[in-house]
Amino acid sequence: MANDTPVPLNRIERILRNMIASAAGLSILAIIATIVGNLSGVNTREGIWLTVTVLPFVGLTIAFLLIVAFLVVSVVRRRRLAQNGG
């Protein structure tokens, strides 16, 4: 195997990647919805809008923690591959 051949993602890394994209994407959509709601005059401090307003705080935090977990899993796997010779 050549040294510049990319290492494919394992199942855990694919799952983490999709979870990161989902959490960050949903948070970005919630930010956009909050901005549109505020511009259209909706009270974003009550009802379902409160959930939409708070969602980015939780979602982006979860996405950040998942990125850290992804990096740890990726580094551990690459070190094991390097020690075992591929």
N, C-alpha and C. Protein backbone atom coordinates (compact mmCIF):
# COMPACT_ATOMS: atom_id res chain seq x y z
N MET A 1 0.84 -1.17 0.00
CA MET A 1 0.00 0.00 0.00
C MET A 1 0.88 1.24 0.00
N ALA A 2 0.61 2.16 -0.89
CA ALA A 2 1.40 3.38 -1.00
C ALA A 2 1.16 4.28 0.22
N ASN A 3 2.15 5.09 0.52
CA ASN A 3 2.04 5.97 1.69
C ASN A 3 1.01 7.07 1.52
N ASP A 4 0.75 7.49 0.28
CA ASP A 4 -0.19 8.58 0.06
C ASP A 4 -1.62 8.10 -0.19
N THR A 5 -1.88 6.80 -0.02
CA THR A 5 -3.23 6.28 -0.19
C THR A 5 -4.08 6.70 1.01
N PRO A 6 -5.24 7.32 0.75
CA PRO A 6 -6.08 7.75 1.88
C PRO A 6 -6.64 6.56 2.64
N VAL A 7 -6.73 6.73 3.94
CA VAL A 7 -7.27 5.68 4.80
C VAL A 7 -8.79 5.85 4.87
N PRO A 8 -9.56 4.82 4.53
CA PRO A 8 -11.02 4.97 4.55
C PRO A 8 -11.55 5.09 5.98
N LEU A 9 -12.70 5.74 6.11
CA LEU A 9 -13.32 5.91 7.42
C LEU A 9 -13.95 4.60 7.87
N ASN A 10 -13.85 4.31 9.15
CA ASN A 10 -14.53 3.14 9.66
C ASN A 10 -15.96 3.52 10.05
N ARG A 11 -16.72 2.56 10.52
CA ARG A 11 -18.14 2.78 10.79
C ARG A 11 -18.38 3.86 11.84
N ILE A 12 -17.59 3.84 12.92
CA ILE A 12 -17.78 4.83 13.99
C ILE A 12 -17.51 6.24 13.48
N GLU A 13 -16.48 6.38 12.66
CA GLU A 13 -16.16 7.70 12.12
C GLU A 13 -17.25 8.19 11.17
N ARG A 14 -17.82 7.30 10.38
CA ARG A 14 -18.93 7.70 9.49
C ARG A 14 -20.15 8.13 10.29
N ILE A 15 -20.46 7.39 11.36
CA ILE A 15 -21.60 7.75 12.21
C ILE A 15 -21.36 9.10 12.87
N LEU A 16 -20.17 9.30 13.42
CA LEU A 16 -19.85 10.58 14.06
C LEU A 16 -19.91 11.72 13.05
N ARG A 17 -19.40 11.48 11.84
CA ARG A 17 -19.44 12.51 10.80
C ARG A 17 -20.87 12.92 10.49
N ASN A 18 -21.76 11.94 10.35
CA ASN A 18 -23.15 12.23 10.05
C ASN A 18 -23.85 12.92 11.23
N MET A 19 -23.52 12.53 12.45
CA MET A 19 -24.10 13.18 13.62
C MET A 19 -23.64 14.64 13.72
N ILE A 20 -22.38 14.90 13.42
CA ILE A 20 -21.86 16.27 13.43
C ILE A 20 -22.58 17.11 12.39
N ALA A 21 -22.72 16.57 11.19
CA ALA A 21 -23.39 17.32 10.12
C ALA A 21 -24.85 17.58 10.47
N SER A 22 -25.51 16.60 11.08
CA SER A 22 -26.92 16.78 11.45
C SER A 22 -27.10 17.82 12.53
N ALA A 23 -26.28 17.73 13.58
CA ALA A 23 -26.40 18.69 14.69
C ALA A 23 -26.07 20.10 14.24
N ALA A 24 -25.00 20.26 13.49
CA ALA A 24 -24.61 21.59 13.03
C ALA A 24 -25.61 22.13 12.00
N GLY A 25 -26.05 21.28 11.10
CA GLY A 25 -27.02 21.71 10.09
C GLY A 25 -28.34 22.13 10.69
N LEU A 26 -28.84 21.36 11.65
CA LEU A 26 -30.09 21.71 12.31
C LEU A 26 -29.95 23.01 13.10
N SER A 27 -28.80 23.21 13.71
CA SER A 27 -28.57 24.44 14.46
C SER A 27 -28.52 25.65 13.53
N ILE A 28 -27.89 25.49 12.38
CA ILE A 28 -27.82 26.60 11.42
C ILE A 28 -29.21 26.92 10.88
N LEU A 29 -30.01 25.88 10.61
CA LEU A 29 -31.39 26.12 10.16
C LEU A 29 -32.21 26.83 11.25
N ALA A 30 -31.96 26.48 12.50
CA ALA A 30 -32.67 27.14 13.59
C ALA A 30 -32.25 28.61 13.72
N ILE A 31 -30.98 28.89 13.49
CA ILE A 31 -30.52 30.29 13.51
C ILE A 31 -31.20 31.09 12.41
N ILE A 32 -31.25 30.51 11.22
CA ILE A 32 -31.90 31.18 10.09
C ILE A 32 -33.38 31.39 10.37
N ALA A 33 -34.05 30.36 10.93
CA ALA A 33 -35.47 30.49 11.26
C ALA A 33 -35.70 31.56 12.31
N THR A 34 -34.82 31.68 13.28
CA THR A 34 -34.94 32.71 14.30
C THR A 34 -34.78 34.10 13.70
N ILE A 35 -33.82 34.24 12.82
CA ILE A 35 -33.62 35.54 12.17
C ILE A 35 -34.84 35.92 11.34
N VAL A 36 -35.35 34.97 10.55
CA VAL A 36 -36.54 35.23 9.73
C VAL A 36 -37.75 35.54 10.63
N GLY A 37 -37.88 34.79 11.72
CA GLY A 37 -38.99 35.05 12.64
C GLY A 37 -38.91 36.43 13.26
N ASN A 38 -37.73 36.84 13.66
CA ASN A 38 -37.57 38.18 14.24
C ASN A 38 -37.86 39.27 13.21
N LEU A 39 -37.41 39.07 11.98
CA LEU A 39 -37.64 40.07 10.94
C LEU A 39 -39.12 40.17 10.57
N SER A 40 -39.85 39.07 10.70
CA SER A 40 -41.27 39.09 10.35
C SER A 40 -42.16 39.51 11.52
N GLY A 41 -41.58 39.76 12.67
CA GLY A 41 -42.33 40.28 13.80
C GLY A 41 -42.90 39.23 14.74
N VAL A 42 -42.45 37.99 14.64
CA VAL A 42 -42.93 36.93 15.52
C VAL A 42 -42.20 37.04 16.86
N ASN A 43 -42.94 36.80 17.95
CA ASN A 43 -42.32 36.80 19.27
C ASN A 43 -41.61 35.46 19.46
N THR A 44 -40.29 35.48 19.41
CA THR A 44 -39.51 34.25 19.51
C THR A 44 -39.22 33.86 20.95
N ARG A 45 -39.86 34.48 21.91
CA ARG A 45 -39.63 34.19 23.32
C ARG A 45 -40.72 33.31 23.93
N GLU A 46 -41.62 32.77 23.12
CA GLU A 46 -42.70 31.94 23.67
C GLU A 46 -43.06 30.84 22.68
N GLY A 47 -43.66 29.79 23.20
CA GLY A 47 -44.13 28.69 22.38
C GLY A 47 -43.00 27.89 21.74
N ILE A 48 -43.27 27.40 20.55
CA ILE A 48 -42.28 26.59 19.83
C ILE A 48 -41.08 27.42 19.41
N TRP A 49 -41.27 28.73 19.26
CA TRP A 49 -40.17 29.59 18.87
C TRP A 49 -39.08 29.64 19.94
N LEU A 50 -39.46 29.45 21.19
CA LEU A 50 -38.45 29.41 22.25
C LEU A 50 -37.51 28.22 22.04
N THR A 51 -38.09 27.09 21.67
CA THR A 51 -37.27 25.90 21.39
C THR A 51 -36.36 26.15 20.19
N VAL A 52 -36.89 26.77 19.15
CA VAL A 52 -36.09 27.06 17.96
C VAL A 52 -34.98 28.05 18.29
N THR A 53 -35.26 28.97 19.19
CA THR A 53 -34.25 29.96 19.57
C THR A 53 -33.13 29.34 20.41
N VAL A 54 -33.47 28.39 21.28
CA VAL A 54 -32.48 27.78 22.18
C VAL A 54 -31.72 26.64 21.49
N LEU A 55 -32.29 26.05 20.46
CA LEU A 55 -31.69 24.89 19.80
C LEU A 55 -30.24 25.10 19.35
N PRO A 56 -29.88 26.24 18.76
CA PRO A 56 -28.47 26.40 18.35
C PRO A 56 -27.47 26.34 19.50
N PHE A 57 -27.85 26.82 20.67
CA PHE A 57 -26.93 26.75 21.81
C PHE A 57 -26.62 25.31 22.17
N VAL A 58 -27.63 24.48 22.17
CA VAL A 58 -27.45 23.07 22.52
C VAL A 58 -26.82 22.31 21.35
N GLY A 59 -27.34 22.54 20.15
CA GLY A 59 -26.89 21.80 18.98
C GLY A 59 -25.44 22.05 18.62
N LEU A 60 -25.01 23.29 18.67
CA LEU A 60 -23.62 23.60 18.34
C LEU A 60 -22.66 23.08 19.41
N THR A 61 -23.11 23.07 20.66
CA THR A 61 -22.28 22.49 21.72
C THR A 61 -22.11 20.99 21.51
N ILE A 62 -23.20 20.32 21.18
CA ILE A 62 -23.14 18.88 20.91
C ILE A 62 -22.26 18.62 19.69
N ALA A 63 -22.39 19.44 18.65
CA ALA A 63 -21.57 19.26 17.45
C ALA A 63 -20.08 19.43 17.78
N PHE A 64 -19.76 20.40 18.63
CA PHE A 64 -18.36 20.59 19.02
C PHE A 64 -17.83 19.38 19.78
N LEU A 65 -18.61 18.85 20.72
CA LEU A 65 -18.18 17.67 21.47
C LEU A 65 -18.03 16.46 20.56
N LEU A 66 -18.91 16.34 19.57
CA LEU A 66 -18.79 15.24 18.61
C LEU A 66 -17.55 15.39 17.74
N ILE A 67 -17.18 16.63 17.41
CA ILE A 67 -15.95 16.85 16.64
C ILE A 67 -14.74 16.41 17.45
N VAL A 68 -14.73 16.72 18.74
CA VAL A 68 -13.63 16.28 19.60
C VAL A 68 -13.58 14.75 19.66
N ALA A 69 -14.75 14.11 19.80
CA ALA A 69 -14.79 12.65 19.82
C ALA A 69 -14.31 12.08 18.49
N PHE A 70 -14.70 12.70 17.38
CA PHE A 70 -14.27 12.25 16.06
C PHE A 70 -12.75 12.33 15.93
N LEU A 71 -12.18 13.44 16.40
CA LEU A 71 -10.73 13.59 16.33
C LEU A 71 -10.01 12.54 17.17
N VAL A 72 -10.52 12.27 18.36
CA VAL A 72 -9.90 11.26 19.23
C VAL A 72 -9.96 9.88 18.58
N VAL A 73 -11.13 9.50 18.07
CA VAL A 73 -11.28 8.19 17.43
C VAL A 73 -10.38 8.09 16.21
N SER A 74 -10.31 9.16 15.43
CA SER A 74 -9.50 9.15 14.22
C SER A 74 -8.00 9.03 14.54
N VAL A 75 -7.54 9.77 15.53
CA VAL A 75 -6.13 9.71 15.91
C VAL A 75 -5.77 8.34 16.46
N VAL A 76 -6.63 7.77 17.29
CA VAL A 76 -6.36 6.43 17.84
C VAL A 76 -6.29 5.39 16.74
N ARG A 77 -7.21 5.47 15.79
CA ARG A 77 -7.22 4.49 14.70
C ARG A 77 -5.98 4.63 13.82
N ARG A 78 -5.59 5.87 13.52
CA ARG A 78 -4.41 6.07 12.68
C ARG A 78 -3.13 5.64 13.38
N ARG A 79 -3.06 5.83 14.69
CA ARG A 79 -1.88 5.37 15.43
C ARG A 79 -1.80 3.85 15.42
N ARG A 80 -2.96 3.20 15.58
CA ARG A 80 -2.96 1.73 15.55
C ARG A 80 -2.54 1.23 14.17
N LEU A 81 -3.02 1.89 13.11
CA LEU A 81 -2.61 1.50 11.76
C LEU A 81 -1.12 1.69 11.55
N ALA A 82 -0.57 2.77 12.08
CA ALA A 82 0.85 3.04 11.93
C ALA A 82 1.69 2.03 12.70
N GLN A 83 1.23 1.62 13.87
CA GLN A 83 1.98 0.65 14.66
C GLN A 83 1.94 -0.75 14.04
N ASN A 84 0.80 -1.09 13.45
CA ASN A 84 0.65 -2.42 12.86
C ASN A 84 1.18 -2.49 11.43
N GLY A 85 1.59 -1.39 10.88
CA GLY A 85 2.12 -1.39 9.53
C GLY A 85 1.05 -1.43 8.46
N GLY A 86 -0.16 -0.98 8.78
CA GLY A 86 -1.21 -0.91 7.77
C GLY A 86 -2.16 -2.03 7.91
